[in-house]
Amino acid sequence: MDNDVSAGRTTSTLGHLALGLTLLAFGIGHAEVIDGVTAADSVSLALYVGGIALFITGLLEFRGGNAFNGTAYAGLGAFWFTWASGADGQVSSEAAGLFLLLFALLALSLTLGSAGSGLLAQGTYGLLFLSLLLLGIATFAESGGLVKAGGWVAAVAGLAAWYGATAALAHWPTAVPGRAAGRRVTATG
């Protein structure tokens, strides 16, 4: 077994777990799904798991030669670390909205860059993009409804990332089986 391939799969799985758990906490807090749990309650998880662990995972992916995952995890690690560090409210709502919209651009780049990685990865990044876009707009518009919608989308993105990592560990399917092109088409032609 090639050690580089094995290490790459391990760090990729760790990255998806870290992203999934952080997005779940972030999304559940914004959507206020659980009474008394807010986005502020996810700050520690975002700082350490989403920020530091994800950033280090990104560096390991770069070292292993995977530029896409390295960019994704290091970039998202920087997002979570910065979000958690600034969560004490010392910035204006306009600055917070701009921050979310700028990182939505990162998520959009990751969505477009993951086109060959499968529907699950592309869906995770696409939902992350939509979540950050909604939360950024909600911050500018001071709309509680958009905040909740963005939180729900983030939670679904977190579930997708978590499932992808868990599926890799448990050897579960991550792709929807395709259908044959037409009737009477067999595997041999």
Protein backbone atom coordinates (compact mmCIF):
# COMPACT_ATOMS: atom_id res chain seq x y z
CA MET A 1 0.00 0.00 0.00
CA ASP A 2 1.32 3.43 -0.94
CA ASN A 3 1.79 5.54 2.20
CA ASP A 4 1.15 8.81 0.35
CA VAL A 5 -2.23 7.65 -0.90
CA SER A 6 -3.23 6.31 2.51
CA ALA A 7 -2.19 9.52 4.26
CA GLY A 8 -4.07 11.59 1.70
CA ARG A 9 -7.26 9.66 2.24
CA THR A 10 -6.88 9.97 6.01
CA THR A 11 -6.38 13.73 5.97
CA SER A 12 -9.20 14.17 3.47
CA THR A 13 -11.55 12.21 5.74
CA LEU A 14 -10.38 14.19 8.76
CA GLY A 15 -10.95 17.43 6.85
CA HIS A 16 -14.51 16.46 5.92
CA LEU A 17 -15.25 15.43 9.52
CA ALA A 18 -13.89 18.72 10.87
CA LEU A 19 -15.83 20.70 8.26
CA GLY A 20 -19.00 18.69 8.87
CA LEU A 21 -19.00 19.03 12.65
CA THR A 22 -18.20 22.73 12.51
CA LEU A 23 -20.88 23.42 9.90
CA LEU A 24 -23.43 21.45 11.91
CA ALA A 25 -22.74 23.46 15.08
CA PHE A 26 -22.66 26.74 13.13
CA GLY A 27 -25.86 25.93 11.25
CA ILE A 28 -27.81 24.60 14.23
CA GLY A 29 -26.84 27.72 16.18
CA HIS A 30 -27.95 30.11 13.44
CA ALA A 31 -31.17 28.19 12.76
CA GLU A 32 -31.90 28.06 16.51
CA VAL A 33 -33.04 24.46 16.15
CA ILE A 34 -32.30 23.68 19.81
CA ASP A 35 -33.79 25.98 22.40
CA GLY A 36 -31.08 28.10 24.03
CA VAL A 37 -28.35 27.17 21.51
CA THR A 38 -27.11 30.04 19.35
CA ALA A 39 -24.32 30.55 16.85
CA ALA A 40 -22.19 32.02 19.65
CA ASP A 41 -22.18 28.57 21.26
CA SER A 42 -20.25 27.17 18.28
CA VAL A 43 -17.32 29.59 18.65
CA SER A 44 -14.98 27.17 20.48
CA LEU A 45 -15.67 24.36 18.03
CA ALA A 46 -15.20 26.76 15.11
CA LEU A 47 -11.91 28.03 16.53
CA TYR A 48 -10.25 24.71 17.33
CA VAL A 49 -11.86 22.12 15.05
CA GLY A 50 -12.91 24.30 12.14
CA GLY A 51 -10.04 26.76 12.40
CA ILE A 52 -6.87 25.17 13.66
CA ALA A 53 -7.47 21.48 12.86
CA LEU A 54 -8.87 22.21 9.40
CA PHE A 55 -6.01 24.60 8.57
CA ILE A 56 -3.40 22.00 9.64
CA THR A 57 -5.25 19.37 7.61
CA GLY A 58 -5.02 21.71 4.62
CA LEU A 59 -1.27 22.03 5.08
CA LEU A 60 -0.96 18.24 5.22
CA GLU A 61 -2.98 17.95 2.03
CA PHE A 62 -0.63 20.45 0.31
CA ARG A 63 2.33 18.41 1.56
CA GLY A 64 0.73 15.26 0.14
CA GLY A 65 0.33 16.92 -3.26
CA ASN A 66 -3.43 17.53 -3.18
CA ALA A 67 -3.75 21.20 -4.09
CA PHE A 68 -7.56 21.24 -4.17
CA ASN A 69 -8.08 19.77 -0.69
CA GLY A 70 -5.16 21.82 0.60
CA THR A 71 -6.79 24.99 -0.69
CA ALA A 72 -10.22 23.97 0.60
CA TYR A 73 -9.16 22.99 4.10
CA ALA A 74 -6.59 25.75 4.66
CA GLY A 75 -8.97 28.39 3.25
CA LEU A 76 -11.92 27.16 5.29
CA GLY A 77 -9.69 26.83 8.35
CA ALA A 78 -8.78 30.49 7.94
CA PHE A 79 -12.49 31.32 7.63
CA TRP A 80 -13.48 29.47 10.80
CA PHE A 81 -10.53 30.80 12.80
CA THR A 82 -11.29 34.39 11.75
CA TRP A 83 -15.04 34.00 12.32
CA ALA A 84 -14.50 32.57 15.80
CA SER A 85 -11.90 35.21 16.68
CA GLY A 86 -14.23 38.04 15.65
CA ALA A 87 -17.40 36.56 17.15
CA ASP A 88 -17.23 38.87 20.17
CA GLY A 89 -19.07 41.50 18.15
CA GLN A 90 -16.34 44.14 17.92
CA VAL A 91 -17.00 44.63 14.20
CA SER A 92 -19.88 46.42 12.54
CA SER A 93 -22.68 44.40 11.01
CA GLU A 94 -21.60 45.71 7.59
CA ALA A 95 -18.08 44.38 8.13
CA ALA A 96 -19.48 41.03 9.31
CA GLY A 97 -21.74 40.83 6.24
CA LEU A 98 -18.86 41.65 3.92
CA PHE A 99 -16.72 38.98 5.63
CA LEU A 100 -19.41 36.35 5.04
CA LEU A 101 -19.86 37.39 1.41
CA LEU A 102 -16.10 37.30 0.74
CA PHE A 103 -15.84 33.78 2.13
CA ALA A 104 -18.93 32.86 0.10
CA LEU A 105 -16.70 33.57 -2.91
CA LEU A 106 -14.19 31.03 -1.57
CA ALA A 107 -17.00 28.50 -1.20
CA LEU A 108 -18.14 29.26 -4.77
CA SER A 109 -14.60 28.66 -6.04
CA LEU A 110 -14.52 25.36 -4.16
CA THR A 111 -17.90 24.40 -5.60
CA LEU A 112 -16.72 25.03 -9.14
CA GLY A 113 -13.34 23.40 -8.49
CA SER A 114 -14.90 20.24 -7.09
CA ALA A 115 -16.85 19.45 -10.26
CA GLY A 116 -14.90 16.23 -10.81
CA SER A 117 -14.93 15.18 -7.16
CA GLY A 118 -18.45 13.84 -7.12
CA LEU A 119 -21.88 15.15 -6.28
CA LEU A 120 -21.43 14.86 -2.51
CA ALA A 121 -18.33 17.07 -2.35
CA GLN A 122 -19.73 19.56 -4.85
CA GLY A 123 -23.03 19.63 -2.97
CA THR A 124 -21.29 20.28 0.34
CA TYR A 125 -19.37 23.25 -1.04
CA GLY A 126 -22.42 24.49 -2.96
CA LEU A 127 -24.55 24.43 0.18
CA LEU A 128 -21.76 26.17 2.09
CA PHE A 129 -21.74 28.88 -0.58
CA LEU A 130 -25.51 29.30 -0.37
CA SER A 131 -25.39 29.41 3.43
CA LEU A 132 -22.69 32.08 3.56
CA LEU A 133 -24.48 34.08 0.86
CA LEU A 134 -27.76 33.98 2.82
CA LEU A 135 -26.03 34.83 6.10
CA GLY A 136 -24.12 37.71 4.49
CA ILE A 137 -27.27 39.17 2.97
CA ALA A 138 -29.13 38.60 6.25
CA THR A 139 -26.47 40.54 8.12
CA PHE A 140 -26.81 43.54 5.79
CA ALA A 141 -30.62 43.35 5.78
CA GLU A 142 -30.90 42.54 9.51
CA SER A 143 -33.26 39.70 8.62
CA GLY A 144 -33.78 37.02 11.24
CA GLY A 145 -35.61 34.84 8.74
CA LEU A 146 -32.66 34.81 6.33
CA VAL A 147 -30.31 34.03 9.24
CA LYS A 148 -32.40 30.97 10.10
CA ALA A 149 -32.55 29.90 6.44
CA GLY A 150 -28.76 30.27 6.16
CA GLY A 151 -28.39 28.24 9.34
CA TRP A 152 -30.53 25.43 7.98
CA VAL A 153 -28.52 25.36 4.75
CA ALA A 154 -25.26 25.28 6.75
CA ALA A 155 -26.58 22.39 8.85
CA VAL A 156 -27.47 20.41 5.71
CA ALA A 157 -24.00 21.15 4.28
CA GLY A 158 -22.53 19.90 7.56
CA LEU A 159 -24.54 16.69 7.31
CA ALA A 160 -23.30 16.18 3.74
CA ALA A 161 -19.65 16.68 4.78
CA TRP A 162 -20.11 14.43 7.81
CA TYR A 163 -21.77 11.72 5.69
CA GLY A 164 -18.94 11.89 3.13
CA ALA A 165 -16.32 11.37 5.84
CA THR A 166 -18.31 8.67 7.62
CA ALA A 167 -18.97 6.89 4.32
CA ALA A 168 -15.24 6.87 3.59
CA LEU A 169 -14.52 5.33 7.01
CA ALA A 170 -17.38 2.82 6.86
CA HIS A 171 -17.02 2.05 3.14
CA TRP A 172 -20.56 3.23 2.42
CA PRO A 173 -21.63 4.41 -1.02
CA THR A 174 -21.19 8.07 -1.88
CA ALA A 175 -22.54 8.02 -5.43
CA VAL A 176 -25.99 7.36 -6.77
CA PRO A 177 -25.91 4.37 -9.13
CA GLY A 178 -26.56 5.31 -12.76
CA ARG A 179 -29.13 3.87 -15.12
CA ALA A 180 -28.43 2.35 -18.47
CA ALA A 181 -28.84 4.75 -21.40
CA GLY A 182 -31.84 2.96 -22.84
CA ARG A 183 -33.82 -0.23 -22.90
CA ARG A 184 -31.97 -3.44 -23.68
CA VAL A 185 -28.61 -1.85 -23.05
CA THR A 186 -26.32 -4.25 -21.25
CA ALA A 187 -22.96 -3.79 -19.62
CA THR A 188 -21.27 -5.34 -22.66
CA GLY A 189 -23.10 -3.17 -25.17
